[in-house]
Amino acid sequence: MPKLPLISGREAIKVFERMGFQVARQRGSHVVLRRGSQGCVVPKHKELKAGTLVGILKQAGVSQEDFIENL
């Protein structure tokens, strides 16, 4: 399993948009993304910790390999 890179919340949102997710709404620094019935919440922080990013990927139902491919 490849190691996840350190990226910002904005970069993560761009990757999810490339994967077909759309911004549903935003409240404060948290953005809710949706793709059909799947969804996830991404904080717009300068740097997402690895554990946070893994949790976001699980929420979205996206594998780490697919995420890194679209990076």
N, C-alpha and C. Protein backbone atom coordinates (compact mmCIF):
# COMPACT_ATOMS: atom_id res chain seq x y z
N MET A 1 0.85 -1.18 0.00
CA MET A 1 0.00 0.00 0.00
C MET A 1 0.90 1.24 0.00
N PRO A 2 0.70 2.14 -0.96
CA PRO A 2 1.56 3.32 -1.03
C PRO A 2 1.29 4.28 0.14
N LYS A 3 2.31 5.02 0.48
CA LYS A 3 2.20 5.97 1.57
C LYS A 3 1.46 7.22 1.08
N LEU A 4 0.54 7.70 1.90
CA LEU A 4 -0.23 8.88 1.52
C LEU A 4 0.63 10.14 1.65
N PRO A 5 0.56 11.04 0.69
CA PRO A 5 1.33 12.28 0.76
C PRO A 5 0.67 13.27 1.72
N LEU A 6 1.44 14.23 2.19
CA LEU A 6 0.90 15.31 3.00
C LEU A 6 0.36 16.36 2.04
N ILE A 7 -0.94 16.57 2.07
CA ILE A 7 -1.56 17.56 1.19
C ILE A 7 -2.50 18.43 2.01
N SER A 8 -2.90 19.55 1.41
CA SER A 8 -3.84 20.45 2.09
C SER A 8 -5.27 20.00 1.81
N GLY A 9 -6.19 20.56 2.55
CA GLY A 9 -7.61 20.26 2.34
C GLY A 9 -8.07 20.68 0.96
N ARG A 10 -7.59 21.82 0.49
CA ARG A 10 -7.98 22.29 -0.85
C ARG A 10 -7.51 21.32 -1.94
N GLU A 11 -6.28 20.81 -1.80
CA GLU A 11 -5.77 19.84 -2.77
C GLU A 11 -6.60 18.56 -2.75
N ALA A 12 -6.99 18.12 -1.56
CA ALA A 12 -7.81 16.92 -1.44
C ALA A 12 -9.16 17.12 -2.12
N ILE A 13 -9.74 18.29 -1.95
CA ILE A 13 -11.03 18.60 -2.57
C ILE A 13 -10.90 18.55 -4.10
N LYS A 14 -9.81 19.08 -4.63
CA LYS A 14 -9.59 19.04 -6.09
C LYS A 14 -9.50 17.61 -6.59
N VAL A 15 -8.81 16.74 -5.83
CA VAL A 15 -8.68 15.34 -6.23
C VAL A 15 -10.04 14.67 -6.23
N PHE A 16 -10.84 14.90 -5.18
CA PHE A 16 -12.17 14.31 -5.12
C PHE A 16 -13.04 14.81 -6.27
N GLU A 17 -12.91 16.08 -6.65
CA GLU A 17 -13.68 16.61 -7.78
C GLU A 17 -13.28 15.92 -9.07
N ARG A 18 -11.99 15.61 -9.24
CA ARG A 18 -11.53 14.87 -10.42
C ARG A 18 -12.13 13.47 -10.45
N MET A 19 -12.44 12.94 -9.26
CA MET A 19 -12.99 11.58 -9.15
C MET A 19 -14.51 11.58 -9.27
N GLY A 20 -15.13 12.73 -9.53
CA GLY A 20 -16.56 12.79 -9.76
C GLY A 20 -17.38 13.30 -8.58
N PHE A 21 -16.73 13.67 -7.49
CA PHE A 21 -17.46 14.24 -6.36
C PHE A 21 -17.77 15.70 -6.64
N GLN A 22 -18.86 16.20 -6.05
CA GLN A 22 -19.23 17.60 -6.19
C GLN A 22 -19.42 18.19 -4.80
N VAL A 23 -19.10 19.48 -4.68
CA VAL A 23 -19.29 20.17 -3.41
C VAL A 23 -20.78 20.33 -3.16
N ALA A 24 -21.27 19.76 -2.07
CA ALA A 24 -22.68 19.86 -1.72
C ALA A 24 -22.92 21.12 -0.89
N ARG A 25 -22.05 21.35 0.08
CA ARG A 25 -22.18 22.54 0.92
C ARG A 25 -20.91 22.73 1.73
N GLN A 26 -20.81 23.89 2.37
CA GLN A 26 -19.67 24.20 3.22
C GLN A 26 -20.17 24.95 4.44
N ARG A 27 -19.63 24.59 5.59
CA ARG A 27 -19.94 25.31 6.82
C ARG A 27 -18.62 25.56 7.52
N GLY A 28 -18.24 26.80 7.59
CA GLY A 28 -16.94 27.13 8.18
C GLY A 28 -15.82 26.58 7.31
N SER A 29 -14.93 25.80 7.92
CA SER A 29 -13.80 25.28 7.16
C SER A 29 -14.03 23.84 6.70
N HIS A 30 -15.25 23.31 6.86
CA HIS A 30 -15.53 21.94 6.46
C HIS A 30 -16.41 21.91 5.22
N VAL A 31 -15.95 21.16 4.21
CA VAL A 31 -16.65 21.06 2.93
C VAL A 31 -17.24 19.65 2.81
N VAL A 32 -18.52 19.57 2.47
CA VAL A 32 -19.19 18.28 2.28
C VAL A 32 -19.22 18.00 0.79
N LEU A 33 -18.67 16.84 0.40
CA LEU A 33 -18.63 16.42 -0.99
C LEU A 33 -19.54 15.23 -1.18
N ARG A 34 -20.19 15.13 -2.36
CA ARG A 34 -21.12 14.04 -2.65
C ARG A 34 -20.85 13.49 -4.04
N ARG A 35 -21.03 12.16 -4.16
CA ARG A 35 -21.03 11.47 -5.46
C ARG A 35 -22.08 10.38 -5.34
N GLY A 36 -23.25 10.65 -5.85
CA GLY A 36 -24.36 9.71 -5.70
C GLY A 36 -24.74 9.60 -4.24
N SER A 37 -24.72 8.38 -3.71
CA SER A 37 -25.06 8.19 -2.30
C SER A 37 -23.82 8.27 -1.40
N GLN A 38 -22.63 8.34 -2.00
CA GLN A 38 -21.40 8.43 -1.23
C GLN A 38 -21.10 9.89 -0.90
N GLY A 39 -20.49 10.10 0.24
CA GLY A 39 -20.12 11.46 0.61
C GLY A 39 -19.02 11.46 1.63
N CYS A 40 -18.41 12.62 1.82
CA CYS A 40 -17.36 12.78 2.82
C CYS A 40 -17.26 14.25 3.21
N VAL A 41 -16.61 14.48 4.34
CA VAL A 41 -16.40 15.83 4.85
C VAL A 41 -14.89 16.08 4.86
N VAL A 42 -14.46 17.15 4.19
CA VAL A 42 -13.04 17.48 4.11
C VAL A 42 -12.80 18.83 4.78
N PRO A 43 -11.94 18.88 5.80
CA PRO A 43 -11.61 20.16 6.40
C PRO A 43 -10.63 20.93 5.52
N LYS A 44 -10.82 22.22 5.38
CA LYS A 44 -9.93 23.04 4.57
C LYS A 44 -8.76 23.52 5.44
N HIS A 45 -7.92 22.58 5.85
CA HIS A 45 -6.75 22.90 6.66
C HIS A 45 -5.53 22.99 5.76
N LYS A 46 -4.49 23.65 6.26
CA LYS A 46 -3.26 23.79 5.47
C LYS A 46 -2.62 22.44 5.21
N GLU A 47 -2.72 21.54 6.17
CA GLU A 47 -2.13 20.22 6.02
C GLU A 47 -3.03 19.19 6.69
N LEU A 48 -3.42 18.15 5.96
CA LEU A 48 -4.23 17.08 6.52
C LEU A 48 -3.31 16.00 7.05
N LYS A 49 -3.53 15.58 8.29
CA LYS A 49 -2.74 14.50 8.85
C LYS A 49 -3.11 13.20 8.15
N ALA A 50 -2.20 12.24 8.16
CA ALA A 50 -2.41 10.98 7.45
C ALA A 50 -3.65 10.26 7.96
N GLY A 51 -3.85 10.21 9.26
CA GLY A 51 -5.01 9.53 9.82
C GLY A 51 -6.31 10.18 9.42
N THR A 52 -6.31 11.51 9.35
CA THR A 52 -7.49 12.25 8.91
C THR A 52 -7.82 11.91 7.47
N LEU A 53 -6.80 11.88 6.63
CA LEU A 53 -7.01 11.58 5.21
C LEU A 53 -7.50 10.15 5.02
N VAL A 54 -6.99 9.21 5.79
CA VAL A 54 -7.45 7.83 5.71
C VAL A 54 -8.93 7.75 6.09
N GLY A 55 -9.34 8.48 7.12
CA GLY A 55 -10.74 8.51 7.53
C GLY A 55 -11.65 9.10 6.46
N ILE A 56 -11.17 10.15 5.80
CA ILE A 56 -11.94 10.78 4.73
C ILE A 56 -12.12 9.80 3.57
N LEU A 57 -11.05 9.07 3.24
CA LEU A 57 -11.13 8.11 2.14
C LEU A 57 -12.11 6.98 2.47
N LYS A 58 -12.14 6.53 3.73
CA LYS A 58 -13.08 5.49 4.13
C LYS A 58 -14.52 6.01 4.03
N GLN A 59 -14.73 7.26 4.46
CA GLN A 59 -16.06 7.88 4.35
C GLN A 59 -16.53 7.89 2.91
N ALA A 60 -15.62 8.24 2.02
CA ALA A 60 -15.96 8.41 0.61
C ALA A 60 -16.03 7.08 -0.13
N GLY A 61 -15.49 6.01 0.46
CA GLY A 61 -15.47 4.73 -0.23
C GLY A 61 -14.46 4.69 -1.36
N VAL A 62 -13.32 5.37 -1.16
CA VAL A 62 -12.28 5.47 -2.17
C VAL A 62 -11.02 4.80 -1.64
N SER A 63 -10.36 4.01 -2.47
CA SER A 63 -9.12 3.37 -2.04
C SER A 63 -7.97 4.37 -2.09
N GLN A 64 -6.94 4.08 -1.30
CA GLN A 64 -5.77 4.95 -1.28
C GLN A 64 -5.08 4.98 -2.64
N GLU A 65 -5.06 3.84 -3.33
CA GLU A 65 -4.42 3.77 -4.64
C GLU A 65 -5.14 4.66 -5.65
N ASP A 66 -6.49 4.61 -5.65
CA ASP A 66 -7.26 5.45 -6.57
C ASP A 66 -7.03 6.94 -6.27
N PHE A 67 -6.97 7.28 -4.99
CA PHE A 67 -6.75 8.67 -4.61
C PHE A 67 -5.40 9.16 -5.11
N ILE A 68 -4.35 8.34 -4.90
CA ILE A 68 -3.00 8.75 -5.31
C ILE A 68 -2.90 8.84 -6.83
N GLU A 69 -3.59 7.95 -7.55
CA GLU A 69 -3.61 8.01 -9.02
C GLU A 69 -4.17 9.34 -9.52
N ASN A 70 -5.19 9.86 -8.86
CA ASN A 70 -5.85 11.09 -9.28
C ASN A 70 -5.20 12.34 -8.71
N LEU A 71 -4.16 12.16 -7.92
CA LEU A 71 -3.49 13.30 -7.29
C LEU A 71 -2.81 14.18 -8.31
